[in-house]
C-alpha atoms as a PDB file:
ATOM      1  CA  MET A   1       0.000   0.000   0.000  1.00  0.00           C
ATOM      2  CA  PHE A   2       1.388   3.382  -1.017  1.00  0.00           C
ATOM      3  CA  THR A   3       1.782   5.955   1.752  1.00  0.00           C
ATOM      4  CA  GLU A   4       2.524   9.546   0.825  1.00  0.00           C
ATOM      5  CA  ARG A   5       5.882  10.611   2.161  1.00  0.00           C
ATOM      6  CA  VAL A   6       6.217  13.054   5.066  1.00  0.00           C
ATOM      7  CA  ARG A   7       9.363  15.166   4.643  1.00  0.00           C
ATOM      8  CA  ASP A   8       9.817  16.804   8.034  1.00  0.00           C
ATOM      9  CA  VAL A   9      13.621  16.368   8.037  1.00  0.00           C
ATOM     10  CA  ALA A  10      15.431  18.310   5.319  1.00  0.00           C
ATOM     11  CA  HIS A  11      18.972  16.947   5.568  1.00  0.00           C
ATOM     12  CA  VAL A  12      21.856  15.921   7.802  1.00  0.00           C
ATOM     13  CA  GLY A  13      23.374  19.179   9.035  1.00  0.00           C
ATOM     14  CA  SER A  14      26.507  18.322  10.974  1.00  0.00           C
ATOM     15  CA  VAL A  15      28.081  15.711  13.218  1.00  0.00           C
ATOM     16  CA  GLU A  16      30.221  15.717  16.353  1.00  0.00           C
ATOM     17  CA  LEU A  17      33.285  13.480  16.477  1.00  0.00           C
ATOM     18  CA  PHE A  18      35.301  12.629  19.588  1.00  0.00           C
ATOM     19  CA  THR A  19      39.074  12.270  19.353  1.00  0.00           C
ATOM     20  CA  PRO A  20      41.804  11.476  21.892  1.00  0.00           C
ATOM     21  CA  VAL A  21      44.378  13.346  19.752  1.00  0.00           C
ATOM     22  CA  PRO A  22      42.639  16.639  18.917  1.00  0.00           C
ATOM     23  CA  ASP A  23      45.627  18.410  17.340  1.00  0.00           C
ATOM     24  CA  GLU A  24      46.355  15.512  14.979  1.00  0.00           C
ATOM     25  CA  SER A  25      42.682  15.100  14.072  1.00  0.00           C
ATOM     26  CA  LEU A  26      42.363  18.830  13.428  1.00  0.00           C
ATOM     27  CA  ALA A  27      45.360  18.760  11.094  1.00  0.00           C
ATOM     28  CA  PHE A  28      43.814  15.821   9.228  1.00  0.00           C
ATOM     29  CA  PHE A  29      40.526  17.586   8.540  1.00  0.00           C
ATOM     30  CA  VAL A  30      42.034  20.991   7.741  1.00  0.00           C
ATOM     31  CA  ASP A  31      45.240  20.121   5.896  1.00  0.00           C
ATOM     32  CA  LEU A  32      44.307  16.827   4.237  1.00  0.00           C
ATOM     33  CA  MET A  33      40.534  17.031   3.824  1.00  0.00           C
ATOM     34  CA  GLY A  34      40.531  20.727   2.872  1.00  0.00           C
ATOM     35  CA  MET A  35      38.167  21.941   5.595  1.00  0.00           C
ATOM     36  CA  SER A  36      38.446  25.280   7.412  1.00  0.00           C
ATOM     37  CA  GLU A  37      38.218  26.165  11.092  1.00  0.00           C
ATOM     38  CA  THR A  38      35.290  28.439  11.968  1.00  0.00           C
ATOM     39  CA  GLY A  39      35.471  28.667  15.740  1.00  0.00           C
ATOM     40  CA  ARG A  40      36.366  27.106  19.076  1.00  0.00           C
ATOM     41  CA  ARG A  41      34.533  26.618  22.342  1.00  0.00           C
ATOM     42  CA  GLY A  42      35.863  24.658  25.305  1.00  0.00           C
ATOM     43  CA  ASP A  43      37.348  21.390  24.056  1.00  0.00           C
ATOM     44  CA  SER A  44      35.643  21.655  20.661  1.00  0.00           C
ATOM     45  CA  VAL A  45      36.754  23.003  17.276  1.00  0.00           C
ATOM     46  CA  TYR A  46      34.192  23.748  14.558  1.00  0.00           C
ATOM     47  CA  LEU A  47      35.089  22.814  10.976  1.00  0.00           C
ATOM     48  CA  HIS A  48      33.465  23.782   7.687  1.00  0.00           C
ATOM     49  CA  ALA A  49      33.388  22.034   4.310  1.00  0.00           C
ATOM     50  CA  TRP A  50      33.700  24.608   1.553  1.00  0.00           C
ATOM     51  CA  ASP A  51      30.193  24.469   0.093  1.00  0.00           C
ATOM     52  CA  ASP A  52      28.214  23.857   3.266  1.00  0.00           C
ATOM     53  CA  TYR A  53      25.752  26.730   3.711  1.00  0.00           C
ATOM     54  CA  GLU A  54      25.695  26.389   7.502  1.00  0.00           C
ATOM     55  CA  ARG A  55      28.271  27.588  10.013  1.00  0.00           C
ATOM     56  CA  PHE A  56      29.875  24.195  10.671  1.00  0.00           C
ATOM     57  CA  THR A  57      30.011  20.692   9.230  1.00  0.00           C
ATOM     58  CA  ILE A  58      31.996  18.800  11.880  1.00  0.00           C
ATOM     59  CA  LYS A  59      32.355  19.568  15.565  1.00  0.00           C
ATOM     60  CA  LEU A  60      35.622  17.986  16.704  1.00  0.00           C
ATOM     61  CA  THR A  61      35.671  17.430  20.470  1.00  0.00           C
ATOM     62  CA  ALA A  62      38.589  16.237  22.602  1.00  0.00           C
ATOM     63  CA  ARG A  63      37.720  13.089  24.591  1.00  0.00           C
ATOM     64  CA  ASP A  64      39.635  10.146  25.999  1.00  0.00           C
ATOM     65  CA  ARG A  65      38.281   7.866  23.255  1.00  0.00           C
ATOM     66  CA  ALA A  66      37.186   8.252  19.643  1.00  0.00           C
ATOM     67  CA  GLY A  67      33.514   8.032  18.790  1.00  0.00           C
ATOM     68  CA  ILE A  68      30.450  10.004  17.774  1.00  0.00           C
ATOM     69  CA  GLY A  69      28.583  12.679  19.706  1.00  0.00           C
ATOM     70  CA  ARG A  70      25.499  14.404  18.356  1.00  0.00           C
ATOM     71  CA  THR A  71      24.225  14.162  14.824  1.00  0.00           C
ATOM     72  CA  TYR A  72      22.328  17.311  13.878  1.00  0.00           C
ATOM     73  CA  LEU A  73      19.363  17.034  11.503  1.00  0.00           C
ATOM     74  CA  ARG A  74      17.767  20.183  10.141  1.00  0.00           C
ATOM     75  CA  ALA A  75      13.991  20.151  10.048  1.00  0.00           C
ATOM     76  CA  ALA A  76      12.086  21.255   6.952  1.00  0.00           C
ATOM     77  CA  GLY A  77      10.547  24.157   8.871  1.00  0.00           C
ATOM     78  CA  PRO A  78       9.460  25.269  12.360  1.00  0.00           C
ATOM     79  CA  GLN A  79       6.198  23.334  12.213  1.00  0.00           C
ATOM     80  CA  ALA A  80       8.023  20.214  11.019  1.00  0.00           C
ATOM     81  CA  LEU A  81      10.361  20.524  13.988  1.00  0.00           C
ATOM     82  CA  ARG A  82       7.439  20.750  16.394  1.00  0.00           C
ATOM     83  CA  ARG A  83       5.765  17.728  14.785  1.00  0.00           C
ATOM     84  CA  ARG A  84       8.863  15.556  15.176  1.00  0.00           C
ATOM     85  CA  ALA A  85       9.453  16.763  18.743  1.00  0.00           C
ATOM     86  CA  GLY A  86       5.864  15.869  19.564  1.00  0.00           C
ATOM     87  CA  GLU A  87       6.406  12.236  18.599  1.00  0.00           C
ATOM     88  CA  ILE A  88       9.833  11.556  20.127  1.00  0.00           C
ATOM     89  CA  PRO A  89      10.816  11.604  23.821  1.00  0.00           C
ATOM     90  CA  GLY A  90      13.536  14.221  24.368  1.00  0.00           C
ATOM     91  CA  ARG A  91      14.312  17.702  25.645  1.00  0.00           C
ATOM     92  CA  TRP A  92      14.967  21.195  24.321  1.00  0.00           C
ATOM     93  CA  VAL A  93      18.418  22.804  24.628  1.00  0.00           C
ATOM     94  CA  GLU A  94      20.102  25.932  23.310  1.00  0.00           C
ATOM     95  CA  ASP A  95      23.769  25.099  23.750  1.00  0.00           C
ATOM     96  CA  GLU A  96      25.283  25.064  20.256  1.00  0.00           C
ATOM     97  CA  PRO A  97      26.805  28.131  18.534  1.00  0.00           C
ATOM     98  CA  GLY A  98      25.140  28.766  15.207  1.00  0.00           C
ATOM     99  CA  LEU A  99      21.966  26.822  16.009  1.00  0.00           C
ATOM    100  CA  GLY A 100      18.737  27.930  17.611  1.00  0.00           C
ATOM    101  CA  PRO A 101      16.609  25.692  19.851  1.00  0.00           C
ATOM    102  CA  VAL A 102      17.635  22.039  19.436  1.00  0.00           C
ATOM    103  CA  TYR A 103      15.429  19.096  20.323  1.00  0.00           C
ATOM    104  CA  LEU A 104      17.696  16.376  21.689  1.00  0.00           C
ATOM    105  CA  CYS A 105      16.612  12.767  21.441  1.00  0.00           C
ATOM    106  CA  GLN A 106      18.167   9.319  21.088  1.00  0.00           C
ATOM    107  CA  ASP A 107      17.682   6.416  18.747  1.00  0.00           C
ATOM    108  CA  PRO A 108      17.060   2.982  20.327  1.00  0.00           C
ATOM    109  CA  ASP A 109      20.820   2.322  20.350  1.00  0.00           C
ATOM    110  CA  GLY A 110      21.716   5.471  22.283  1.00  0.00           C
ATOM    111  CA  HIS A 111      23.051   7.665  19.468  1.00  0.00           C
ATOM    112  CA  GLU A 112      22.197  11.282  20.239  1.00  0.00           C
ATOM    113  CA  ILE A 113      20.297  13.246  17.597  1.00  0.00           C
ATOM    114  CA  GLY A 114      19.615  16.965  17.613  1.00  0.00           C
ATOM    115  CA  LEU A 115      16.713  18.301  15.555  1.00  0.00           C
ATOM    116  CA  TYR A 116      16.720  22.012  14.764  1.00  0.00           C
ATOM    117  CA  TRP A 117      15.364  24.653  12.399  1.00  0.00           C
ATOM    118  CA  GLU A 118      17.068  27.971  13.172  1.00  0.00           C
ATOM    119  CA  THR A 119      20.626  28.065  11.832  1.00  0.00           C
ATOM    120  CA  GLU A 120      23.387  30.561  11.160  1.00  0.00           C
ATOM    121  CA  ARG A 121      24.672  30.830   7.585  1.00  0.00           C
ATOM    122  CA  PHE A 122      28.382  30.481   6.975  1.00  0.00           C
ATOM    123  CA  THR A 123      30.156  33.786   6.363  1.00  0.00           C
ATOM    124  CA  PRO A 124      33.390  33.462   4.343  1.00  0.00           C
ATOM    125  CA  VAL A 125      36.494  35.425   5.269  1.00  0.00           C
ATOM    126  CA  ARG A 126      37.037  36.112   1.587  1.00  0.00           C
ATOM    127  CA  PRO A 127      33.907  35.730  -0.568  1.00  0.00           C
ATOM    128  CA  PRO A 128      34.138  33.331  -3.520  1.00  0.00           C
ATOM    129  CA  ALA A 129      34.068  34.624  -7.079  1.00  0.00           C
ATOM    130  CA  LEU A 130      30.688  32.949  -7.627  1.00  0.00           C
ATOM    131  CA  LYS A 131      28.139  34.045  -5.040  1.00  0.00           C
ATOM    132  CA  ASN A 132      26.117  30.849  -5.405  1.00  0.00           C
ATOM    133  CA  GLN A 133      28.661  28.803  -3.422  1.00  0.00           C
ATOM    134  CA  ALA A 134      29.395  29.122   0.282  1.00  0.00           C
ATOM    135  CA  ASP A 135      33.173  29.594   0.241  1.00  0.00           C
ATOM    136  CA  ARG A 136      36.197  29.568  -2.018  1.00  0.00           C
ATOM    137  CA  PHE A 137      37.398  26.232  -3.337  1.00  0.00           C
ATOM    138  CA  PRO A 138      40.196  25.223  -0.922  1.00  0.00           C
ATOM    139  CA  GLY A 139      42.528  23.631  -3.481  1.00  0.00           C
ATOM    140  CA  ARG A 140      44.195  21.278  -1.009  1.00  0.00           C
ATOM    141  CA  GLY A 141      43.942  17.624  -0.093  1.00  0.00           C
ATOM    142  CA  ALA A 142      40.596  15.989  -0.758  1.00  0.00           C
ATOM    143  CA  ASN A 143      38.702  19.297  -1.159  1.00  0.00           C
ATOM    144  CA  VAL A 144      35.633  17.827   0.570  1.00  0.00           C
ATOM    145  CA  ARG A 145      32.503  19.742  -0.371  1.00  0.00           C
ATOM    146  CA  ARG A 146      29.992  18.663   2.276  1.00  0.00           C
ATOM    147  CA  LEU A 147      28.974  16.050   4.810  1.00  0.00           C
ATOM    148  CA  ASP A 148      27.333  13.215   2.900  1.00  0.00           C
ATOM    149  CA  HIS A 149      26.079  10.629   5.394  1.00  0.00           C
ATOM    150  CA  VAL A 150      26.548   8.958   8.769  1.00  0.00           C
ATOM    151  CA  ASN A 151      26.764   5.188   9.238  1.00  0.00           C
ATOM    152  CA  TYR A 152      26.002   4.030  12.786  1.00  0.00           C
ATOM    153  CA  LEU A 153      26.733   0.682  14.374  1.00  0.00           C
ATOM    154  CA  ALA A 154      23.747  -0.693  16.301  1.00  0.00           C
ATOM    155  CA  ALA A 155      22.985  -3.707  18.464  1.00  0.00           C
ATOM    156  CA  ASP A 156      19.434  -3.852  17.055  1.00  0.00           C
ATOM    157  CA  THR A 157      19.393  -2.656  13.455  1.00  0.00           C
ATOM    158  CA  PRO A 158      15.665  -3.315  12.810  1.00  0.00           C
ATOM    159  CA  ALA A 159      14.647  -1.288  15.896  1.00  0.00           C
ATOM    160  CA  CYS A 160      16.821   1.634  14.822  1.00  0.00           C
ATOM    161  CA  GLY A 161      15.396   1.396  11.340  1.00  0.00           C
ATOM    162  CA  ARG A 162      11.859   1.609  12.674  1.00  0.00           C
ATOM    163  CA  PHE A 163      12.863   4.688  14.656  1.00  0.00           C
ATOM    164  CA  LEU A 164      14.104   6.425  11.501  1.00  0.00           C
ATOM    165  CA  ALA A 165      11.080   5.415   9.474  1.00  0.00           C
ATOM    166  CA  GLU A 166       8.347   6.018  12.059  1.00  0.00           C
ATOM    167  CA  ARG A 167       9.736   8.894  14.142  1.00  0.00           C
ATOM    168  CA  LEU A 168      11.888  10.820  11.684  1.00  0.00           C
ATOM    169  CA  LYS A 169       9.947   9.803   8.549  1.00  0.00           C
ATOM    170  CA  ALA A 170      13.081   8.657   6.720  1.00  0.00           C
ATOM    171  CA  ARG A 171      12.708   6.281   3.768  1.00  0.00           C
ATOM    172  CA  ALA A 172      14.630   3.029   3.335  1.00  0.00           C
ATOM    173  CA  THR A 173      16.271   2.622  -0.072  1.00  0.00           C
ATOM    174  CA  GLU A 174      18.501  -0.469   0.193  1.00  0.00           C
ATOM    175  CA  GLN A 175      19.260  -3.155   2.758  1.00  0.00           C
ATOM    176  CA  ILE A 176      21.251  -6.297   3.454  1.00  0.00           C
ATOM    177  CA  VAL A 177      18.973  -9.075   4.692  1.00  0.00           C
ATOM    178  CA  ARG A 178      20.371 -12.123   6.459  1.00  0.00           C
ATOM    179  CA  ASP A 179      19.244 -15.631   5.522  1.00  0.00           C
ATOM    180  CA  ASP A 180      16.880 -15.617   8.523  1.00  0.00           C
ATOM    181  CA  GLY A 181      15.120 -12.548   7.107  1.00  0.00           C
ATOM    182  CA  VAL A 182      16.494 -10.030   9.606  1.00  0.00           C
ATOM    183  CA  PRO A 183      18.081  -6.873   8.132  1.00  0.00           C
ATOM    184  CA  ALA A 184      21.800  -6.578   8.920  1.00  0.00           C
ATOM    185  CA  ALA A 185      22.183  -3.093   7.432  1.00  0.00           C
ATOM    186  CA  ILE A 186      19.690  -0.511   6.178  1.00  0.00           C
ATOM    187  CA  TRP A 187      20.262   2.681   4.149  1.00  0.00           C
ATOM    188  CA  TYR A 188      17.810   5.558   4.693  1.00  0.00           C
ATOM    189  CA  THR A 189      17.220   8.874   2.975  1.00  0.00           C
ATOM    190  CA  VAL A 190      15.585  12.033   4.308  1.00  0.00           C
ATOM    191  CA  SER A 191      16.246  13.964   1.104  1.00  0.00           C
ATOM    192  CA  ASP A 192      16.481  13.162  -2.600  1.00  0.00           C
ATOM    193  CA  LYS A 193      19.928  11.629  -2.160  1.00  0.00           C
ATOM    194  CA  SER A 194      19.914   7.861  -2.210  1.00  0.00           C
ATOM    195  CA  TYR A 195      20.961   7.742   1.449  1.00  0.00           C
ATOM    196  CA  ASP A 196      21.736  10.016   4.398  1.00  0.00           C
ATOM    197  CA  LEU A 197      21.703   7.744   7.469  1.00  0.00           C
ATOM    198  CA  VAL A 198      22.719   4.093   7.717  1.00  0.00           C
ATOM    199  CA  TYR A 199      22.497   1.441  10.422  1.00  0.00           C
ATOM    200  CA  THR A 200      24.825  -1.554  10.394  1.00  0.00           C
ATOM    201  CA  THR A 201      24.632  -4.370  12.937  1.00  0.00           C
ATOM    202  CA  ASP A 202      27.393  -4.147  15.543  1.00  0.00           C
ATOM    203  CA  ARG A 203      28.910  -7.612  15.796  1.00  0.00           C
ATOM    204  CA  THR A 204      30.147  -6.844  19.318  1.00  0.00           C
ATOM    205  CA  GLY A 205      26.606  -6.223  20.542  1.00  0.00           C
ATOM    206  CA  SER A 206      27.672  -2.803  21.817  1.00  0.00           C
ATOM    207  CA  ASN A 207      25.566   0.354  21.758  1.00  0.00           C
ATOM    208  CA  GLY A 208      26.095   3.900  20.519  1.00  0.00           C
ATOM    209  CA  ARG A 209      29.097   3.303  18.285  1.00  0.00           C
ATOM    210  CA  LEU A 210      30.126   4.774  14.943  1.00  0.00           C
ATOM    211  CA  HIS A 211      30.965   2.890  11.781  1.00  0.00           C
ATOM    212  CA  HIS A 212      31.921   5.951   9.724  1.00  0.00           C
ATOM    213  CA  VAL A 213      31.137   9.476   8.656  1.00  0.00           C
ATOM    214  CA  ALA A 214      31.293  10.271   4.944  1.00  0.00           C
ATOM    215  CA  LEU A 215      32.500  13.459   3.288  1.00  0.00           C
ATOM    216  CA  ALA A 216      31.506  14.092  -0.323  1.00  0.00           C
ATOM    217  CA  THR A 217      33.855  15.245  -3.054  1.00  0.00           C
ATOM    218  CA  ASP A 218      33.025  16.737  -6.439  1.00  0.00           C
ATOM    219  CA  THR A 219      34.774  14.061  -8.473  1.00  0.00           C
ATOM    220  CA  ARG A 220      36.333  10.623  -8.311  1.00  0.00           C
ATOM    221  CA  ASP A 221      39.657  12.267  -9.100  1.00  0.00           C
ATOM    222  CA  ASP A 222      39.479  14.111  -5.756  1.00  0.00           C
ATOM    223  CA  ILE A 223      39.312  10.729  -4.040  1.00  0.00           C
ATOM    224  CA  LEU A 224      42.228   9.340  -6.040  1.00  0.00           C
ATOM    225  CA  ARG A 225      44.276  12.397  -5.107  1.00  0.00           C
ATOM    226  CA  ALA A 226      43.230  11.990  -1.464  1.00  0.00           C
ATOM    227  CA  ALA A 227      44.599   8.447  -1.478  1.00  0.00           C
ATOM    228  CA  ASP A 228      48.020   9.793  -2.454  1.00  0.00           C
ATOM    229  CA  VAL A 229      47.762  12.583   0.124  1.00  0.00           C
ATOM    230  CA  CYS A 230      46.881  10.120   2.894  1.00  0.00           C
ATOM    231  CA  LEU A 231      49.673   7.788   1.814  1.00  0.00           C
ATOM    232  CA  ASP A 232      52.268  10.560   1.975  1.00  0.00           C
ATOM    233  CA  ASN A 233      51.049  11.704   5.400  1.00  0.00           C
ATOM    234  CA  GLY A 234      50.912   8.348   7.150  1.00  0.00           C
ATOM    235  CA  ILE A 235      47.112   8.099   7.278  1.00  0.00           C
ATOM    236  CA  HIS A 236      45.866   4.510   7.441  1.00  0.00           C
ATOM    237  CA  ILE A 237      44.011   3.556   4.253  1.00  0.00           C
ATOM    238  CA  GLU A 238      41.608   0.759   5.098  1.00  0.00           C
ATOM    239  CA  THR A 239      40.145  -0.041   1.679  1.00  0.00           C
ATOM    240  CA  GLY A 240      39.577   1.506  -1.740  1.00  0.00           C
ATOM    241  CA  PRO A 241      39.504   3.474  -3.913  1.00  0.00           C
ATOM    242  CA  HIS A 242      36.750   1.371  -5.431  1.00  0.00           C
ATOM    243  CA  LYS A 243      33.005   1.366  -6.154  1.00  0.00           C
ATOM    244  CA  HIS A 244      30.318  -0.006  -3.859  1.00  0.00           C
ATOM    245  CA  ALA A 245      27.735  -2.384  -5.251  1.00  0.00           C
ATOM    246  CA  ILE A 246      25.130  -1.081  -2.783  1.00  0.00           C
ATOM    247  CA  GLN A 247      24.305   2.547  -3.663  1.00  0.00           C
ATOM    248  CA  GLN A 248      27.101   2.548  -6.335  1.00  0.00           C
ATOM    249  CA  THR A 249      29.210   5.080  -4.426  1.00  0.00           C
ATOM    250  CA  PHE A 250      32.878   5.544  -5.371  1.00  0.00           C
ATOM    251  CA  PHE A 251      34.759   5.323  -2.077  1.00  0.00           C
ATOM    252  CA  LEU A 252      37.942   5.491  -0.045  1.00  0.00           C
ATOM    253  CA  TYR A 253      37.995   4.558   3.650  1.00  0.00           C
ATOM    254  CA  VAL A 254      40.675   5.909   5.977  1.00  0.00           C
ATOM    255  CA  TYR A 255      41.131   6.244   9.736  1.00  0.00           C
ATOM    256  CA  GLU A 256      41.621   9.796  10.937  1.00  0.00           C
ATOM    257  CA  PRO A 257      44.351  10.049  13.645  1.00  0.00           C
ATOM    258  CA  GLY A 258      41.836   9.727  16.490  1.00  0.00           C
ATOM    259  CA  GLY A 259      40.679   6.357  15.155  1.00  0.00           C
ATOM    260  CA  ASN A 260      37.330   7.265  13.591  1.00  0.00           C
ATOM    261  CA  ARG A 261      36.689   5.796  10.161  1.00  0.00           C
ATOM    262  CA  VAL A 262      36.129   8.449   7.492  1.00  0.00           C
ATOM    263  CA  GLU A 263      34.783   7.704   4.028  1.00  0.00           C
ATOM    264  CA  LEU A 264      35.542   9.943   1.086  1.00  0.00           C
ATOM    265  CA  CYS A 265      32.723   9.379  -1.342  1.00  0.00           C
ATOM    266  CA  ASN A 266      31.379  10.395  -4.703  1.00  0.00           C
ATOM    267  CA  ALA A 267      27.896   9.214  -5.624  1.00  0.00           C
ATOM    268  CA  GLY A 268      27.878  10.792  -9.069  1.00  0.00           C
ATOM    269  CA  ALA A 269      24.407  11.986 -10.024  1.00  0.00           C
ATOM    270  CA  ARG A 270      22.529   9.157  -8.321  1.00  0.00           C
ATOM    271  CA  LEU A 271      19.271  10.363  -6.740  1.00  0.00           C
ATOM    272  CA  VAL A 272      16.090   8.648  -5.610  1.00  0.00           C
ATOM    273  CA  LEU A 273      13.276  10.635  -7.190  1.00  0.00           C
ATOM    274  CA  ALA A 274      10.552   7.967  -7.350  1.00  0.00           C
ATOM    275  CA  PRO A 275       7.952   8.701  -4.635  1.00  0.00           C
ATOM    276  CA  ASP A 276       7.050   4.991  -4.604  1.00  0.00           C
ATOM    277  CA  TRP A 277      10.617   3.643  -4.505  1.00  0.00           C
ATOM    278  CA  GLU A 278      10.784  -0.048  -3.587  1.00  0.00           C
ATOM    279  CA  VAL A 279      13.530  -1.087  -1.166  1.00  0.00           C
ATOM    280  CA  ILE A 280      16.303  -3.085  -2.826  1.00  0.00           C
ATOM    281  CA  SER A 281      17.424  -6.086  -0.773  1.00  0.00           C
ATOM    282  CA  TRP A 282      20.794  -7.822  -0.982  1.00  0.00           C
ATOM    283  CA  THR A 283      21.515 -11.315   0.313  1.00  0.00           C
ATOM    284  CA  PRO A 284      24.684 -12.443   2.111  1.00  0.00           C
ATOM    285  CA  ALA A 285      25.533 -14.563  -0.939  1.00  0.00           C
ATOM    286  CA  GLU A 286      25.316 -11.522  -3.198  1.00  0.00           C
ATOM    287  CA  ARG A 287      27.452  -9.477  -0.822  1.00  0.00           C
ATOM    288  CA  ALA A 288      30.058 -12.238  -0.677  1.00  0.00           C
ATOM    289  CA  LYS A 289      30.802 -11.531  -4.338  1.00  0.00           C
ATOM    290  CA  GLY A 290      32.449  -8.292  -3.253  1.00  0.00           C
ATOM    291  CA  GLN A 291      32.034  -4.696  -4.343  1.00  0.00           C
ATOM    292  CA  ALA A 292      30.911  -3.514  -7.785  1.00  0.00           C
ATOM    293  CA  TRP A 293      34.190  -4.367  -9.536  1.00  0.00           C
ATOM    294  CA  GLY A 294      35.009  -7.424  -7.450  1.00  0.00           C
ATOM    295  CA  LEU A 295      37.029  -6.025  -4.537  1.00  0.00           C
ATOM    296  CA  LYS A 296      36.322  -8.167  -1.478  1.00  0.00           C
ATOM    297  CA  THR A 297      35.154  -6.371   1.651  1.00  0.00           C
ATOM    298  CA  ILE A 298      38.078  -6.198   4.081  1.00  0.00           C
ATOM    299  CA  GLU A 299      37.530  -7.948   7.436  1.00  0.00           C
ATOM    300  CA  SER A 300      38.187  -4.820   9.507  1.00  0.00           C
ATOM    301  CA  PHE A 301      35.140  -3.233   7.837  1.00  0.00           C
ATOM    302  CA  HIS A 302      33.029  -5.627   9.931  1.00  0.00           C
ATOM    303  CA  THR A 303      34.983  -5.290  13.167  1.00  0.00           C
ATOM    304  CA  HIS A 304      36.349  -1.738  13.520  1.00  0.00           C
ATOM    305  CA  GLY A 305      34.160   0.904  15.114  1.00  0.00           C
ATOM    306  CA  THR A 306      34.486   3.748  17.595  1.00  0.00           C
ATOM    307  CA  PRO A 307      34.708   3.890  20.492  1.00  0.00           C
ATOM    308  CA  PRO A 308      36.798   0.699  20.408  1.00  0.00           C
ATOM    309  CA  VAL A 309      35.652  -2.285  22.469  1.00  0.00           C
ATOM    310  CA  GLY A 310      37.640  -5.250  23.673  1.00  0.00           C
END
């Protein structure tokens, strides 16, 4: 039965990452990823990807262990924000520079999500030549343009998926389904992109962990260049460059110095425009064939997450 889509969440706004080596992580995102620093408060540094219209893209916070803090999702409007807040247990806060009132809630796995509407636009130090982009092209490292998606690890993937679908009105686009019929990973979109938020089953049974955050580049060539940049700077390259079978994203996975996995991705022009899109399911046998061009999924992709567990 077709149900008309409710689009109360506009997009993923920003994400907070924890790092035990803040200076090294900062250098990674600024010097190698091409991001810029837009402010500091306490133990946190705010970083901006060059074409993000909002004040910050990543909030990098010093902690004793790597991991993920809040994920900020911008609502489609003030009424949309109130609708979502009315259906999800949480609380209102006003504690983030650049954002107005934020409704804090958690998914069933304990990941913290902040819903907001009011936001401060990014103001460049030197305006770009073309006024329809947020900042000047950085011309260094990976030249990441924006935050693309967040992939969470979860002890109960189906429960987290229901939370996204029922509470945040996200739409599933693809999934991996185990032989017993239980989803092991689900890709969701809140926009017209093919995915914005992903849940992958945590094989350790832990809660609240991160699989990776993904930063989008303009071209595949940016990712190839980033591989050389990471190689020359001692950044661990986990896998890639290559092309995913699921979602067809061109990818490179690296570990930033704090230990968080970062994906550099380019999805090309792939969008999900069909209002009645049918979820595409992949079996373990199909996934065992590897990625789009045959590269086998590396074992650490199924075991590494942050914060680390024994």
